[in-house]
Amino acid sequence: MSVLKDLYLVWKYRDNPNQALGCGRNEKQSRIDLTDGINLRLQKVTGGLIIQLSIYDYKNDNHKNSTYIITDEKDLGTEINKIITMEILKQ
């Protein structure tokens, strides 16, 4: 059944193959809704960065906010990786 479905999608989107992959623009939706993911806000301050993280909680229909401080001595990529991993594990 999956093969037939794939063949149908190839035939249906033969003029615009990107739309079959979800890359095309949908006329009904003019912009991407970014409210359901993880939002990071970075603020440069003296001595490091302040990171404000917001995650939407589907169960309670609210946002969970957390604030972190990363000093200049630490690697930014490693610390952001740790923060996001810990927040996802909390869910």
PDB file of N, CA and C in Angstrom:
ATOM      1  N   MET A   1       0.823  -1.200   0.000  1.00  0.00           N
ATOM      2  CA  MET A   1       0.000   0.000   0.000  1.00  0.00           C
ATOM      3  C   MET A   1       0.863   1.260   0.000  1.00  0.00           C
ATOM      4  N   SER A   2       1.970   1.197   0.691  1.00  0.00           N
ATOM      5  CA  SER A   2       2.857   2.348   0.764  1.00  0.00           C
ATOM      6  C   SER A   2       3.424   2.709  -0.606  1.00  0.00           C
ATOM      7  N   VAL A   3       3.694   1.704  -1.412  1.00  0.00           N
ATOM      8  CA  VAL A   3       4.231   1.956  -2.752  1.00  0.00           C
ATOM      9  C   VAL A   3       3.212   2.705  -3.599  1.00  0.00           C
ATOM     10  N   LEU A   4       1.951   2.296  -3.507  1.00  0.00           N
ATOM     11  CA  LEU A   4       0.908   2.993  -4.266  1.00  0.00           C
ATOM     12  C   LEU A   4       0.759   4.433  -3.808  1.00  0.00           C
ATOM     13  N   LYS A   5       0.849   4.635  -2.507  1.00  0.00           N
ATOM     14  CA  LYS A   5       0.752   5.997  -1.972  1.00  0.00           C
ATOM     15  C   LYS A   5       1.907   6.857  -2.477  1.00  0.00           C
ATOM     16  N   ASP A   6       3.119   6.293  -2.467  1.00  0.00           N
ATOM     17  CA  ASP A   6       4.285   7.032  -2.964  1.00  0.00           C
ATOM     18  C   ASP A   6       4.149   7.364  -4.447  1.00  0.00           C
ATOM     19  N   LEU A   7       3.673   6.400  -5.236  1.00  0.00           N
ATOM     20  CA  LEU A   7       3.481   6.655  -6.666  1.00  0.00           C
ATOM     21  C   LEU A   7       2.441   7.737  -6.905  1.00  0.00           C
ATOM     22  N   TYR A   8       1.376   7.711  -6.105  1.00  0.00           N
ATOM     23  CA  TYR A   8       0.346   8.745  -6.218  1.00  0.00           C
ATOM     24  C   TYR A   8       0.923  10.124  -5.911  1.00  0.00           C
ATOM     25  N   LEU A   9       1.719  10.231  -4.845  1.00  0.00           N
ATOM     26  CA  LEU A   9       2.304  11.527  -4.485  1.00  0.00           C
ATOM     27  C   LEU A   9       3.261  12.031  -5.557  1.00  0.00           C
ATOM     28  N   VAL A  10       4.031  11.130  -6.154  1.00  0.00           N
ATOM     29  CA  VAL A  10       4.934  11.530  -7.236  1.00  0.00           C
ATOM     30  C   VAL A  10       4.132  12.054  -8.416  1.00  0.00           C
ATOM     31  N   TRP A  11       3.050  11.362  -8.764  1.00  0.00           N
ATOM     32  CA  TRP A  11       2.200  11.803  -9.865  1.00  0.00           C
ATOM     33  C   TRP A  11       1.512  13.127  -9.543  1.00  0.00           C
ATOM     34  N   LYS A  12       0.991  13.250  -8.315  1.00  0.00           N
ATOM     35  CA  LYS A  12       0.229  14.443  -7.943  1.00  0.00           C
ATOM     36  C   LYS A  12       1.100  15.697  -7.941  1.00  0.00           C
ATOM     37  N   TYR A  13       2.327  15.577  -7.474  1.00  0.00           N
ATOM     38  CA  TYR A  13       3.206  16.740  -7.340  1.00  0.00           C
ATOM     39  C   TYR A  13       4.311  16.747  -8.397  1.00  0.00           C
ATOM     40  N   ARG A  14       4.044  16.179  -9.580  1.00  0.00           N
ATOM     41  CA  ARG A  14       5.063  16.106 -10.624  1.00  0.00           C
ATOM     42  C   ARG A  14       5.505  17.478 -11.122  1.00  0.00           C
ATOM     43  N   ASP A  15       4.628  18.483 -11.040  1.00  0.00           N
ATOM     44  CA  ASP A  15       4.992  19.832 -11.482  1.00  0.00           C
ATOM     45  C   ASP A  15       5.768  20.602 -10.420  1.00  0.00           C
ATOM     46  N   ASN A  16       5.553  20.269  -9.157  1.00  0.00           N
ATOM     47  CA  ASN A  16       6.238  20.949  -8.049  1.00  0.00           C
ATOM     48  C   ASN A  16       6.663  19.913  -7.013  1.00  0.00           C
ATOM     49  N   PRO A  17       7.807  19.218  -7.234  1.00  0.00           N
ATOM     50  CA  PRO A  17       8.220  18.144  -6.327  1.00  0.00           C
ATOM     51  C   PRO A  17       8.549  18.632  -4.911  1.00  0.00           C
ATOM     52  N   ASN A  18       8.933  19.883  -4.748  1.00  0.00           N
ATOM     53  CA  ASN A  18       9.227  20.392  -3.409  1.00  0.00           C
ATOM     54  C   ASN A  18       7.991  20.412  -2.524  1.00  0.00           C
ATOM     55  N   GLN A  19       6.821  20.618  -3.111  1.00  0.00           N
ATOM     56  CA  GLN A  19       5.589  20.659  -2.335  1.00  0.00           C
ATOM     57  C   GLN A  19       5.270  19.276  -1.760  1.00  0.00           C
ATOM     58  N   ALA A  20       5.627  18.219  -2.467  1.00  0.00           N
ATOM     59  CA  ALA A  20       5.392  16.856  -1.974  1.00  0.00           C
ATOM     60  C   ALA A  20       6.223  16.574  -0.738  1.00  0.00           C
ATOM     61  N   LEU A  21       7.366  17.210  -0.630  1.00  0.00           N
ATOM     62  CA  LEU A  21       8.232  17.024   0.530  1.00  0.00           C
ATOM     63  C   LEU A  21       7.909  17.980   1.660  1.00  0.00           C
ATOM     64  N   GLY A  22       6.917  18.826   1.475  1.00  0.00           N
ATOM     65  CA  GLY A  22       6.569  19.790   2.506  1.00  0.00           C
ATOM     66  C   GLY A  22       7.362  21.073   2.416  1.00  0.00           C
ATOM     67  N   CYS A  23       8.092  21.264   1.317  1.00  0.00           N
ATOM     68  CA  CYS A  23       8.923  22.456   1.169  1.00  0.00           C
ATOM     69  C   CYS A  23       8.191  23.601   0.491  1.00  0.00           C
ATOM     70  N   GLY A  24       7.067  23.306  -0.134  1.00  0.00           N
ATOM     71  CA  GLY A  24       6.345  24.345  -0.849  1.00  0.00           C
ATOM     72  C   GLY A  24       5.536  25.217   0.091  1.00  0.00           C
ATOM     73  N   ARG A  25       5.121  26.351  -0.386  1.00  0.00           N
ATOM     74  CA  ARG A  25       4.318  27.274   0.424  1.00  0.00           C
ATOM     75  C   ARG A  25       2.847  26.936   0.266  1.00  0.00           C
ATOM     76  N   ASN A  26       2.184  26.855   1.373  1.00  0.00           N
ATOM     77  CA  ASN A  26       0.754  26.590   1.383  1.00  0.00           C
ATOM     78  C   ASN A  26       0.028  27.923   1.347  1.00  0.00           C
ATOM     79  N   GLU A  27      -0.945  28.060   0.434  1.00  0.00           N
ATOM     80  CA  GLU A  27      -1.651  29.330   0.310  1.00  0.00           C
ATOM     81  C   GLU A  27      -2.460  29.656   1.562  1.00  0.00           C
ATOM     82  N   LYS A  28      -2.934  28.644   2.270  1.00  0.00           N
ATOM     83  CA  LYS A  28      -3.741  28.864   3.468  1.00  0.00           C
ATOM     84  C   LYS A  28      -2.909  29.329   4.652  1.00  0.00           C
ATOM     85  N   GLN A  29      -1.628  29.004   4.651  1.00  0.00           N
ATOM     86  CA  GLN A  29      -0.755  29.376   5.758  1.00  0.00           C
ATOM     87  C   GLN A  29       0.352  30.275   5.219  1.00  0.00           C
ATOM     88  N   SER A  30       0.311  31.551   5.581  1.00  0.00           N
ATOM     89  CA  SER A  30       1.256  32.496   5.005  1.00  0.00           C
ATOM     90  C   SER A  30       2.560  32.593   5.792  1.00  0.00           C
ATOM     91  N   ARG A  31       2.568  32.081   7.030  1.00  0.00           N
ATOM     92  CA  ARG A  31       3.807  32.136   7.804  1.00  0.00           C
ATOM     93  C   ARG A  31       3.925  30.877   8.652  1.00  0.00           C
ATOM     94  N   ILE A  32       5.116  30.640   9.170  1.00  0.00           N
ATOM     95  CA  ILE A  32       5.371  29.475  10.004  1.00  0.00           C
ATOM     96  C   ILE A  32       4.996  29.811  11.442  1.00  0.00           C
ATOM     97  N   ASP A  33       4.286  28.914  12.107  1.00  0.00           N
ATOM     98  CA  ASP A  33       3.889  29.120  13.490  1.00  0.00           C
ATOM     99  C   ASP A  33       4.995  28.599  14.395  1.00  0.00           C
ATOM    100  N   LEU A  34       5.690  29.493  15.077  1.00  0.00           N
ATOM    101  CA  LEU A  34       6.815  29.116  15.922  1.00  0.00           C
ATOM    102  C   LEU A  34       6.468  29.109  17.412  1.00  0.00           C
ATOM    103  N   THR A  35       5.198  29.148  17.751  1.00  0.00           N
ATOM    104  CA  THR A  35       4.821  29.237  19.157  1.00  0.00           C
ATOM    105  C   THR A  35       4.838  27.892  19.866  1.00  0.00           C
ATOM    106  N   ASP A  36       4.916  26.787  19.141  1.00  0.00           N
ATOM    107  CA  ASP A  36       4.820  25.477  19.770  1.00  0.00           C
ATOM    108  C   ASP A  36       6.161  24.823  20.065  1.00  0.00           C
ATOM    109  N   GLY A  37       7.258  25.462  19.812  1.00  0.00           N
ATOM    110  CA  GLY A  37       8.555  24.844  20.005  1.00  0.00           C
ATOM    111  C   GLY A  37       9.294  25.396  21.198  1.00  0.00           C
ATOM    112  N   ILE A  38      10.603  25.277  21.138  1.00  0.00           N
ATOM    113  CA  ILE A  38      11.485  25.824  22.158  1.00  0.00           C
ATOM    114  C   ILE A  38      12.000  27.163  21.642  1.00  0.00           C
ATOM    115  N   ASN A  39      11.817  28.212  22.415  1.00  0.00           N
ATOM    116  CA  ASN A  39      12.278  29.539  22.021  1.00  0.00           C
ATOM    117  C   ASN A  39      13.439  29.950  22.919  1.00  0.00           C
ATOM    118  N   LEU A  40      14.523  30.393  22.288  1.00  0.00           N
ATOM    119  CA  LEU A  40      15.700  30.876  23.004  1.00  0.00           C
ATOM    120  C   LEU A  40      15.865  32.365  22.751  1.00  0.00           C
ATOM    121  N   ARG A  41      16.164  33.091  23.807  1.00  0.00           N
ATOM    122  CA  ARG A  41      16.489  34.509  23.673  1.00  0.00           C
ATOM    123  C   ARG A  41      17.847  34.704  24.338  1.00  0.00           C
ATOM    124  N   LEU A  42      18.803  35.200  23.567  1.00  0.00           N
ATOM    125  CA  LEU A  42      20.163  35.424  24.058  1.00  0.00           C
ATOM    126  C   LEU A  42      20.385  36.914  24.262  1.00  0.00           C
ATOM    127  N   GLN A  43      20.943  37.257  25.406  1.00  0.00           N
ATOM    128  CA  GLN A  43      21.250  38.657  25.703  1.00  0.00           C
ATOM    129  C   GLN A  43      22.708  38.746  26.135  1.00  0.00           C
ATOM    130  N   LYS A  44      23.517  39.471  25.370  1.00  0.00           N
ATOM    131  CA  LYS A  44      24.927  39.662  25.701  1.00  0.00           C
ATOM    132  C   LYS A  44      25.049  40.666  26.833  1.00  0.00           C
ATOM    133  N   VAL A  45      25.751  40.274  27.887  1.00  0.00           N
ATOM    134  CA  VAL A  45      26.009  41.146  29.025  1.00  0.00           C
ATOM    135  C   VAL A  45      27.494  41.089  29.348  1.00  0.00           C
ATOM    136  N   THR A  46      27.936  41.973  30.214  1.00  0.00           N
ATOM    137  CA  THR A  46      29.334  41.976  30.616  1.00  0.00           C
ATOM    138  C   THR A  46      29.659  40.676  31.333  1.00  0.00           C
ATOM    139  N   GLY A  47      30.621  39.942  30.811  1.00  0.00           N
ATOM    140  CA  GLY A  47      31.042  38.697  31.439  1.00  0.00           C
ATOM    141  C   GLY A  47      30.378  37.452  30.909  1.00  0.00           C
ATOM    142  N   GLY A  48      29.478  37.567  29.931  1.00  0.00           N
ATOM    143  CA  GLY A  48      28.851  36.370  29.392  1.00  0.00           C
ATOM    144  C   GLY A  48      27.543  36.622  28.683  1.00  0.00           C
ATOM    145  N   LEU A  49      26.647  35.655  28.794  1.00  0.00           N
ATOM    146  CA  LEU A  49      25.342  35.705  28.142  1.00  0.00           C
ATOM    147  C   LEU A  49      24.246  35.309  29.123  1.00  0.00           C
ATOM    148  N   ILE A  50      23.095  35.913  28.970  1.00  0.00           N
ATOM    149  CA  ILE A  50      21.898  35.476  29.673  1.00  0.00           C
ATOM    150  C   ILE A  50      21.014  34.797  28.641  1.00  0.00           C
ATOM    151  N   ILE A  51      20.584  33.588  28.945  1.00  0.00           N
ATOM    152  CA  ILE A  51      19.730  32.835  28.034  1.00  0.00           C
ATOM    153  C   ILE A  51      18.373  32.651  28.691  1.00  0.00           C
ATOM    154  N   GLN A  52      17.330  33.100  28.000  1.00  0.00           N
ATOM    155  CA  GLN A  52      15.959  32.887  28.459  1.00  0.00           C
ATOM    156  C   GLN A  52      15.341  31.847  27.539  1.00  0.00           C
ATOM    157  N   LEU A  53      14.836  30.788  28.132  1.00  0.00           N
ATOM    158  CA  LEU A  53      14.298  29.672  27.389  1.00  0.00           C
ATOM    159  C   LEU A  53      12.813  29.536  27.696  1.00  0.00           C
ATOM    160  N   SER A  54      11.998  29.355  26.669  1.00  0.00           N
ATOM    161  CA  SER A  54      10.561  29.197  26.841  1.00  0.00           C
ATOM    162  C   SER A  54      10.115  27.952  26.082  1.00  0.00           C
ATOM    163  N   ILE A  55       9.387  27.066  26.787  1.00  0.00           N
ATOM    164  CA  ILE A  55       8.875  25.837  26.187  1.00  0.00           C
ATOM    165  C   ILE A  55       7.372  25.790  26.406  1.00  0.00           C
ATOM    166  N   TYR A  56       6.640  25.484  25.353  1.00  0.00           N
ATOM    167  CA  TYR A  56       5.186  25.381  25.459  1.00  0.00           C
ATOM    168  C   TYR A  56       4.815  24.022  26.039  1.00  0.00           C
ATOM    169  N   ASP A  57       3.973  24.017  27.067  1.00  0.00           N
ATOM    170  CA  ASP A  57       3.501  22.799  27.714  1.00  0.00           C
ATOM    171  C   ASP A  57       2.091  22.496  27.204  1.00  0.00           C
ATOM    172  N   TYR A  58       1.959  21.457  26.389  1.00  0.00           N
ATOM    173  CA  TYR A  58       0.668  21.105  25.800  1.00  0.00           C
ATOM    174  C   TYR A  58      -0.341  20.635  26.840  1.00  0.00           C
ATOM    175  N   LYS A  59       0.136  19.933  27.864  1.00  0.00           N
ATOM    176  CA  LYS A  59      -0.770  19.372  28.870  1.00  0.00           C
ATOM    177  C   LYS A  59      -1.488  20.458  29.657  1.00  0.00           C
ATOM    178  N   ASN A  60      -0.760  21.496  30.051  1.00  0.00           N
ATOM    179  CA  ASN A  60      -1.331  22.566  30.875  1.00  0.00           C
ATOM    180  C   ASN A  60      -1.663  23.822  30.090  1.00  0.00           C
ATOM    181  N   ASP A  61      -1.356  23.829  28.801  1.00  0.00           N
ATOM    182  CA  ASP A  61      -1.612  24.977  27.930  1.00  0.00           C
ATOM    183  C   ASP A  61      -0.972  26.261  28.463  1.00  0.00           C
ATOM    184  N   ASN A  62       0.333  26.177  28.764  1.00  0.00           N
ATOM    185  CA  ASN A  62       1.078  27.367  29.175  1.00  0.00           C
ATOM    186  C   ASN A  62       2.549  27.217  28.783  1.00  0.00           C
ATOM    187  N   HIS A  63       3.296  28.288  28.954  1.00  0.00           N
ATOM    188  CA  HIS A  63       4.730  28.283  28.660  1.00  0.00           C
ATOM    189  C   HIS A  63       5.522  28.156  29.950  1.00  0.00           C
ATOM    190  N   LYS A  64       6.575  27.326  29.899  1.00  0.00           N
ATOM    191  CA  LYS A  64       7.497  27.211  31.017  1.00  0.00           C
ATOM    192  C   LYS A  64       8.741  28.024  30.655  1.00  0.00           C
ATOM    193  N   ASN A  65       9.100  28.953  31.512  1.00  0.00           N
ATOM    194  CA  ASN A  65      10.238  29.826  31.253  1.00  0.00           C
ATOM    195  C   ASN A  65      11.369  29.526  32.219  1.00  0.00           C
ATOM    196  N   SER A  66      12.588  29.554  31.698  1.00  0.00           N
ATOM    197  CA  SER A  66      13.786  29.348  32.504  1.00  0.00           C
ATOM    198  C   SER A  66      14.839  30.362  32.071  1.00  0.00           C
ATOM    199  N   THR A  67      15.694  30.736  33.005  1.00  0.00           N
ATOM    200  CA  THR A  67      16.771  31.685  32.722  1.00  0.00           C
ATOM    201  C   THR A  67      18.104  31.054  33.125  1.00  0.00           C
ATOM    202  N   TYR A  68      19.095  31.177  32.261  1.00  0.00           N
ATOM    203  CA  TYR A  68      20.425  30.628  32.504  1.00  0.00           C
ATOM    204  C   TYR A  68      21.470  31.704  32.244  1.00  0.00           C
ATOM    205  N   ILE A  69      22.616  31.569  32.902  1.00  0.00           N
ATOM    206  CA  ILE A  69      23.743  32.472  32.687  1.00  0.00           C
ATOM    207  C   ILE A  69      24.935  31.634  32.246  1.00  0.00           C
ATOM    208  N   ILE A  70      25.555  32.045  31.147  1.00  0.00           N
ATOM    209  CA  ILE A  70      26.759  31.389  30.649  1.00  0.00           C
ATOM    210  C   ILE A  70      27.886  32.417  30.680  1.00  0.00           C
ATOM    211  N   THR A  71      28.943  32.100  31.396  1.00  0.00           N
ATOM    212  CA  THR A  71      30.075  33.023  31.488  1.00  0.00           C
ATOM    213  C   THR A  71      30.942  32.920  30.229  1.00  0.00           C
ATOM    214  N   ASP A  72      31.808  33.920  30.037  1.00  0.00           N
ATOM    215  CA  ASP A  72      32.676  33.950  28.859  1.00  0.00           C
ATOM    216  C   ASP A  72      33.678  32.794  28.831  1.00  0.00           C
ATOM    217  N   GLU A  73      34.002  32.223  30.000  1.00  0.00           N
ATOM    218  CA  GLU A  73      34.992  31.151  30.064  1.00  0.00           C
ATOM    219  C   GLU A  73      34.469  29.833  29.488  1.00  0.00           C
ATOM    220  N   LYS A  74      33.146  29.673  29.436  1.00  0.00           N
ATOM    221  CA  LYS A  74      32.561  28.412  28.972  1.00  0.00           C
ATOM    222  C   LYS A  74      32.254  28.479  27.484  1.00  0.00           C
ATOM    223  N   ASP A  75      32.240  27.308  26.844  1.00  0.00           N
ATOM    224  CA  ASP A  75      31.929  27.196  25.414  1.00  0.00           C
ATOM    225  C   ASP A  75      30.428  27.349  25.217  1.00  0.00           C
ATOM    226  N   LEU A  76      30.019  28.298  24.386  1.00  0.00           N
ATOM    227  CA  LEU A  76      28.612  28.619  24.189  1.00  0.00           C
ATOM    228  C   LEU A  76      27.829  27.439  23.616  1.00  0.00           C
ATOM    229  N   GLY A  77      28.358  26.782  22.599  1.00  0.00           N
ATOM    230  CA  GLY A  77      27.654  25.667  21.972  1.00  0.00           C
ATOM    231  C   GLY A  77      27.428  24.505  22.918  1.00  0.00           C
ATOM    232  N   THR A  78      28.442  24.164  23.690  1.00  0.00           N
ATOM    233  CA  THR A  78      28.326  23.068  24.654  1.00  0.00           C
ATOM    234  C   THR A  78      27.295  23.389  25.725  1.00  0.00           C
ATOM    235  N   GLU A  79      27.309  24.609  26.218  1.00  0.00           N
ATOM    236  CA  GLU A  79      26.384  24.992  27.281  1.00  0.00           C
ATOM    237  C   GLU A  79      24.940  25.046  26.782  1.00  0.00           C
ATOM    238  N   ILE A  80      24.713  25.556  25.570  1.00  0.00           N
ATOM    239  CA  ILE A  80      23.355  25.573  25.017  1.00  0.00           C
ATOM    240  C   ILE A  80      22.865  24.145  24.794  1.00  0.00           C
ATOM    241  N   ASN A  81      23.759  23.272  24.332  1.00  0.00           N
ATOM    242  CA  ASN A  81      23.417  21.868  24.157  1.00  0.00           C
ATOM    243  C   ASN A  81      22.968  21.256  25.486  1.00  0.00           C
ATOM    244  N   LYS A  82      23.691  21.526  26.561  1.00  0.00           N
ATOM    245  CA  LYS A  82      23.331  21.007  27.883  1.00  0.00           C
ATOM    246  C   LYS A  82      21.976  21.549  28.347  1.00  0.00           C
ATOM    247  N   ILE A  83      21.758  22.832  28.122  1.00  0.00           N
ATOM    248  CA  ILE A  83      20.508  23.472  28.558  1.00  0.00           C
ATOM    249  C   ILE A  83      19.307  22.851  27.837  1.00  0.00           C
ATOM    250  N   ILE A  84      19.394  22.736  26.525  1.00  0.00           N
ATOM    251  CA  ILE A  84      18.280  22.193  25.759  1.00  0.00           C
ATOM    252  C   ILE A  84      18.051  20.719  26.123  1.00  0.00           C
ATOM    253  N   THR A  85      19.115  19.962  26.289  1.00  0.00           N
ATOM    254  CA  THR A  85      18.970  18.556  26.672  1.00  0.00           C
ATOM    255  C   THR A  85      18.290  18.410  28.013  1.00  0.00           C
ATOM    256  N   MET A  86      18.693  19.210  29.002  1.00  0.00           N
ATOM    257  CA  MET A  86      18.084  19.140  30.326  1.00  0.00           C
ATOM    258  C   MET A  86      16.620  19.544  30.284  1.00  0.00           C
ATOM    259  N   GLU A  87      16.279  20.563  29.514  1.00  0.00           N
ATOM    260  CA  GLU A  87      14.887  21.015  29.439  1.00  0.00           C
ATOM    261  C   GLU A  87      14.011  19.967  28.766  1.00  0.00           C
ATOM    262  N   ILE A  88      14.519  19.296  27.760  1.00  0.00           N
ATOM    263  CA  ILE A  88      13.720  18.257  27.101  1.00  0.00           C
ATOM    264  C   ILE A  88      13.552  17.061  28.025  1.00  0.00           C
ATOM    265  N   LEU A  89      14.574  16.729  28.797  1.00  0.00           N
ATOM    266  CA  LEU A  89      14.472  15.606  29.728  1.00  0.00           C
ATOM    267  C   LEU A  89      13.496  15.922  30.875  1.00  0.00           C
ATOM    268  N   LYS A  90      13.320  17.181  31.212  1.00  0.00           N
ATOM    269  CA  LYS A  90      12.375  17.566  32.273  1.00  0.00           C
ATOM    270  C   LYS A  90      10.932  17.316  31.892  1.00  0.00           C
ATOM    271  N   GLN A  91      10.648  17.303  30.612  1.00  0.00           N
ATOM    272  CA  GLN A  91       9.258  17.181  30.157  1.00  0.00           C
ATOM    273  C   GLN A  91       8.689  15.833  30.397  1.00  0.00           C
TER     274      GLN A  91
END
